[in-house]
Protein backbone atom coordinates (compact mmCIF):
# COMPACT_ATOMS: atom_id res chain seq x y z
CA MET A 1 -52.41 -33.55 47.40
CA LYS A 2 -49.97 -32.80 49.61
CA HIS A 3 -48.20 -30.58 46.93
CA GLY A 4 -51.36 -28.98 46.14
CA LEU A 5 -51.74 -27.92 49.54
CA LEU A 6 -48.23 -26.81 49.91
CA PHE A 7 -48.79 -24.84 46.76
CA LEU A 8 -51.81 -23.06 47.96
CA PHE A 9 -50.31 -22.44 51.33
CA LEU A 10 -47.40 -20.69 49.52
CA PHE A 11 -49.18 -18.90 47.21
CA PHE A 12 -51.70 -17.14 50.29
CA PHE A 13 -48.42 -16.53 52.22
CA LEU A 14 -47.03 -14.57 49.29
CA LEU A 15 -50.22 -13.20 48.55
CA ILE A 16 -50.33 -11.61 52.12
CA LEU A 17 -46.53 -10.93 52.36
CA SER A 18 -46.30 -8.40 49.13
CA PRO A 19 -48.61 -5.67 50.81
CA LEU A 20 -46.25 -5.89 53.94
CA GLN A 21 -43.44 -5.64 52.05
CA ALA A 22 -45.01 -2.50 49.92
CA GLN A 23 -45.72 -1.04 53.60
CA ILE A 24 -42.13 -1.52 54.87
CA GLN A 25 -40.51 0.31 51.56
CA ARG A 26 -42.87 3.17 52.28
CA ALA A 27 -41.90 3.20 56.05
CA TYR A 28 -38.19 4.08 54.89
CA VAL A 29 -38.91 7.04 52.40
CA GLU A 30 -36.52 9.81 53.50
CA GLN A 31 -38.24 12.91 54.60
CA PRO A 32 -36.87 16.38 53.90
CA ASN A 33 -34.59 18.06 56.63
CA THR A 34 -37.12 20.37 58.43
CA SER A 35 -34.55 21.24 61.02
CA GLN A 36 -33.22 24.17 58.22
CA ARG A 37 -36.73 25.84 57.80
CA ILE A 38 -36.43 29.05 56.14
CA SER A 39 -37.55 31.61 58.96
CA VAL A 40 -39.04 35.11 57.63
CA VAL A 41 -39.75 37.82 60.29
CA VAL A 42 -40.96 41.54 59.79
CA ASN A 43 -40.49 43.92 62.67
CA ASP A 44 -42.15 47.25 63.15
CA SER A 45 -39.73 49.30 61.19
CA HIS A 46 -40.60 47.30 57.76
CA VAL A 47 -37.49 45.57 57.98
CA MET A 48 -37.61 41.53 57.02
CA THR A 49 -35.09 39.29 58.26
CA VAL A 50 -34.35 36.01 56.50
CA THR A 51 -32.60 33.23 57.78
CA ASN A 52 -31.84 29.63 56.95
CA ALA A 53 -32.40 30.48 52.83
CA PRO A 54 -30.18 28.80 50.61
CA ALA A 55 -27.37 30.83 49.07
CA ASN A 56 -28.21 32.75 46.08
CA SER A 57 -32.03 31.85 46.51
CA VAL A 58 -34.65 34.06 45.15
CA LEU A 59 -37.28 35.78 47.51
CA GLN A 60 -40.41 36.67 45.82
CA ILE A 61 -43.45 38.35 47.76
CA PHE A 62 -46.67 38.26 46.72
CA SER A 63 -49.96 40.18 47.72
CA LEU A 64 -52.78 37.83 48.86
CA VAL A 65 -54.55 38.30 45.49
CA GLY A 66 -51.49 36.53 43.76
CA THR A 67 -49.62 39.91 42.30
CA LYS A 68 -45.89 39.74 42.50
CA VAL A 69 -45.14 43.04 44.72
CA ALA A 70 -41.37 42.25 45.22
CA GLU A 71 -38.56 40.09 44.46
CA LYS A 72 -35.01 39.95 46.22
CA ARG A 73 -32.12 37.74 45.78
CA VAL A 74 -31.03 36.06 48.94
CA VAL A 75 -27.01 35.84 49.25
CA TYR A 76 -26.39 35.19 52.84
CA ASN A 77 -27.69 32.70 55.47
CA ARG A 78 -28.97 35.49 57.52
CA GLN A 79 -29.71 38.59 55.60
CA GLU A 80 -32.13 41.81 56.01
CA PHE A 81 -34.40 43.59 53.69
CA ALA A 82 -36.00 47.16 54.06
CA LEU A 83 -39.56 46.54 52.52
CA ASP A 84 -41.50 49.80 50.88
CA LEU A 85 -44.96 47.85 50.86
CA PRO A 86 -48.17 49.21 52.03
CA VAL A 87 -49.40 47.64 55.52
CA GLY A 88 -51.07 44.45 55.08
CA TYR A 89 -50.55 40.70 54.43
CA TYR A 90 -48.26 39.10 51.96
CA ILE A 91 -47.20 35.70 51.01
CA VAL A 92 -43.24 35.14 50.86
CA ARG A 93 -41.75 32.37 48.56
CA ILE A 94 -38.43 30.91 48.56
CA GLY A 95 -37.78 28.12 46.74
CA ASP A 96 -40.47 25.39 47.45
CA GLN A 97 -41.24 26.85 51.02
CA THR A 98 -44.14 29.63 51.23
CA GLN A 99 -44.82 31.60 54.75
CA LYS A 100 -47.27 34.37 55.38
CA ILE A 101 -46.03 37.89 56.65
CA THR A 102 -47.73 40.91 57.87
CA ILE A 103 -46.57 44.15 57.44
CA ARG A 104 -47.94 46.63 60.25
């Protein structure tokens, strides 16, 4: 009888412990480094400045309907591009990061 109760206690203890172990493992999942967020800024002269982009990455500019309107290669950590695009809103994608820009 004692062995049966001990077995039941051990079984329930392990049953309760397994979800806690899974939560502990999820708590230590490494998050991507957000301090190196890519910055894209467009000034009034239609010059776009890109900072913190990885070397030799491809910058793509899309209209709001999804048409690719420009593609540039980013070579340096901080680089400027003159844009020959009409006034409006655009989506910029560099790698897996996207950002909305406005050309005025």
